[in-house]
Amino acid sequence: MCLAVPGKILSITGEDPLLKTGKISFAGVVKEVSLAYVPEAEIEQYVIVHVGFAIAIVDESEAQKTLDYLQQMQT
């Protein structure tokens, strides 16, 4: 089973859509992620990330619901 996790875009680097990357915060843990599949993504938006690639843009309320569910699973 694979898991995709929402994260918030903190910064974006690169001009070429296929090489664009972003620093993404996952509840405070920041990782560098490819934005090749969502080149239209912007800073402060939330994206769903799977194996180092942002695969979809999601709204903040949906992202927060998922993060809340993941937090509940830890307890």
C-alpha atoms as a PDB file:
ATOM      1  CA  MET A   1       0.000   0.000   0.000  1.00  0.00           C
ATOM      2  CA  CYS A   2       1.243   3.469  -0.861  1.00  0.00           C
ATOM      3  CA  LEU A   3       0.481   6.697   0.914  1.00  0.00           C
ATOM      4  CA  ALA A   4       0.307  10.226  -0.454  1.00  0.00           C
ATOM      5  CA  VAL A   5       0.544  13.044   2.085  1.00  0.00           C
ATOM      6  CA  PRO A   6      -0.493  16.714   1.862  1.00  0.00           C
ATOM      7  CA  GLY A   7       2.077  19.427   2.418  1.00  0.00           C
ATOM      8  CA  LYS A   8       2.284  23.207   2.123  1.00  0.00           C
ATOM      9  CA  ILE A   9       4.556  24.823  -0.464  1.00  0.00           C
ATOM     10  CA  LEU A  10       7.037  27.150   1.230  1.00  0.00           C
ATOM     11  CA  SER A  11       9.181  28.062  -1.783  1.00  0.00           C
ATOM     12  CA  ILE A  12       9.613  27.175  -5.451  1.00  0.00           C
ATOM     13  CA  THR A  13      12.769  27.027  -7.566  1.00  0.00           C
ATOM     14  CA  GLY A  14      13.331  26.490 -11.276  1.00  0.00           C
ATOM     15  CA  GLU A  15      11.842  27.947 -14.429  1.00  0.00           C
ATOM     16  CA  ASP A  16      11.556  24.808 -16.580  1.00  0.00           C
ATOM     17  CA  PRO A  17       8.222  23.125 -15.700  1.00  0.00           C
ATOM     18  CA  LEU A  18       9.841  19.668 -15.796  1.00  0.00           C
ATOM     19  CA  LEU A  19      12.628  20.693 -13.414  1.00  0.00           C
ATOM     20  CA  LYS A  20      10.591  22.823 -10.994  1.00  0.00           C
ATOM     21  CA  THR A  21      10.953  21.890  -7.320  1.00  0.00           C
ATOM     22  CA  GLY A  22       9.518  23.157  -4.096  1.00  0.00           C
ATOM     23  CA  LYS A  23      10.280  23.083  -0.412  1.00  0.00           C
ATOM     24  CA  ILE A  24       7.212  21.465   1.131  1.00  0.00           C
ATOM     25  CA  SER A  25       6.303  21.467   4.828  1.00  0.00           C
ATOM     26  CA  PHE A  26       4.696  18.326   6.211  1.00  0.00           C
ATOM     27  CA  ALA A  27       3.603  19.498   9.678  1.00  0.00           C
ATOM     28  CA  GLY A  28       6.994  21.149  10.191  1.00  0.00           C
ATOM     29  CA  VAL A  29       9.177  18.593   8.404  1.00  0.00           C
ATOM     30  CA  VAL A  30      10.484  20.254   5.218  1.00  0.00           C
ATOM     31  CA  LYS A  31      11.417  18.230   2.132  1.00  0.00           C
ATOM     32  CA  GLU A  32      12.393  19.096  -1.440  1.00  0.00           C
ATOM     33  CA  VAL A  33       9.763  17.790  -3.872  1.00  0.00           C
ATOM     34  CA  SER A  34       9.403  17.740  -7.660  1.00  0.00           C
ATOM     35  CA  LEU A  35       6.587  19.950  -8.979  1.00  0.00           C
ATOM     36  CA  ALA A  36       6.833  18.556 -12.543  1.00  0.00           C
ATOM     37  CA  TYR A  37       3.282  17.151 -12.387  1.00  0.00           C
ATOM     38  CA  VAL A  38       1.808  20.405 -11.010  1.00  0.00           C
ATOM     39  CA  PRO A  39       3.880  23.218 -12.582  1.00  0.00           C
ATOM     40  CA  GLU A  40       1.026  25.673 -11.954  1.00  0.00           C
ATOM     41  CA  ALA A  41       1.371  25.222  -8.164  1.00  0.00           C
ATOM     42  CA  GLU A  42       2.125  28.356  -6.164  1.00  0.00           C
ATOM     43  CA  ILE A  43       3.661  29.212  -2.787  1.00  0.00           C
ATOM     44  CA  GLU A  44       1.217  28.764   0.127  1.00  0.00           C
ATOM     45  CA  GLN A  45      -0.854  26.156  -1.744  1.00  0.00           C
ATOM     46  CA  TYR A  46      -1.184  22.581  -0.533  1.00  0.00           C
ATOM     47  CA  VAL A  47      -0.177  19.629  -2.685  1.00  0.00           C
ATOM     48  CA  ILE A  48      -0.490  15.879  -2.328  1.00  0.00           C
ATOM     49  CA  VAL A  49       2.974  14.289  -2.432  1.00  0.00           C
ATOM     50  CA  HIS A  50       3.806  10.696  -3.309  1.00  0.00           C
ATOM     51  CA  VAL A  51       7.387   9.361  -3.479  1.00  0.00           C
ATOM     52  CA  GLY A  52       8.920  12.808  -3.898  1.00  0.00           C
ATOM     53  CA  PHE A  53       6.488  14.128  -6.513  1.00  0.00           C
ATOM     54  CA  ALA A  54       3.612  16.545  -5.966  1.00  0.00           C
ATOM     55  CA  ILE A  55       0.756  14.883  -7.857  1.00  0.00           C
ATOM     56  CA  ALA A  56      -2.191  17.221  -7.183  1.00  0.00           C
ATOM     57  CA  ILE A  57      -3.082  20.597  -5.720  1.00  0.00           C
ATOM     58  CA  VAL A  58      -5.655  20.447  -2.905  1.00  0.00           C
ATOM     59  CA  ASP A  59      -7.446  23.127  -0.953  1.00  0.00           C
ATOM     60  CA  GLU A  60      -6.339  23.893   2.587  1.00  0.00           C
ATOM     61  CA  SER A  61      -9.427  22.437   4.295  1.00  0.00           C
ATOM     62  CA  GLU A  62      -9.039  19.057   2.555  1.00  0.00           C
ATOM     63  CA  ALA A  63      -5.333  19.010   3.358  1.00  0.00           C
ATOM     64  CA  GLN A  64      -6.047  19.788   7.016  1.00  0.00           C
ATOM     65  CA  LYS A  65      -8.631  16.990   7.249  1.00  0.00           C
ATOM     66  CA  THR A  66      -6.094  14.481   5.973  1.00  0.00           C
ATOM     67  CA  LEU A  67      -3.397  15.770   8.327  1.00  0.00           C
ATOM     68  CA  ASP A  68      -5.840  15.494  11.234  1.00  0.00           C
ATOM     69  CA  TYR A  69      -6.649  11.871  10.294  1.00  0.00           C
ATOM     70  CA  LEU A  70      -2.946  11.026  10.105  1.00  0.00           C
ATOM     71  CA  GLN A  71      -2.382  12.628  13.516  1.00  0.00           C
ATOM     72  CA  GLN A  72      -5.223  10.556  15.010  1.00  0.00           C
ATOM     73  CA  MET A  73      -3.632   7.374  13.649  1.00  0.00           C
ATOM     74  CA  GLN A  74      -0.456   8.100  15.627  1.00  0.00           C
ATOM     75  CA  THR A  75      -2.277   8.105  18.978  1.00  0.00           C
END
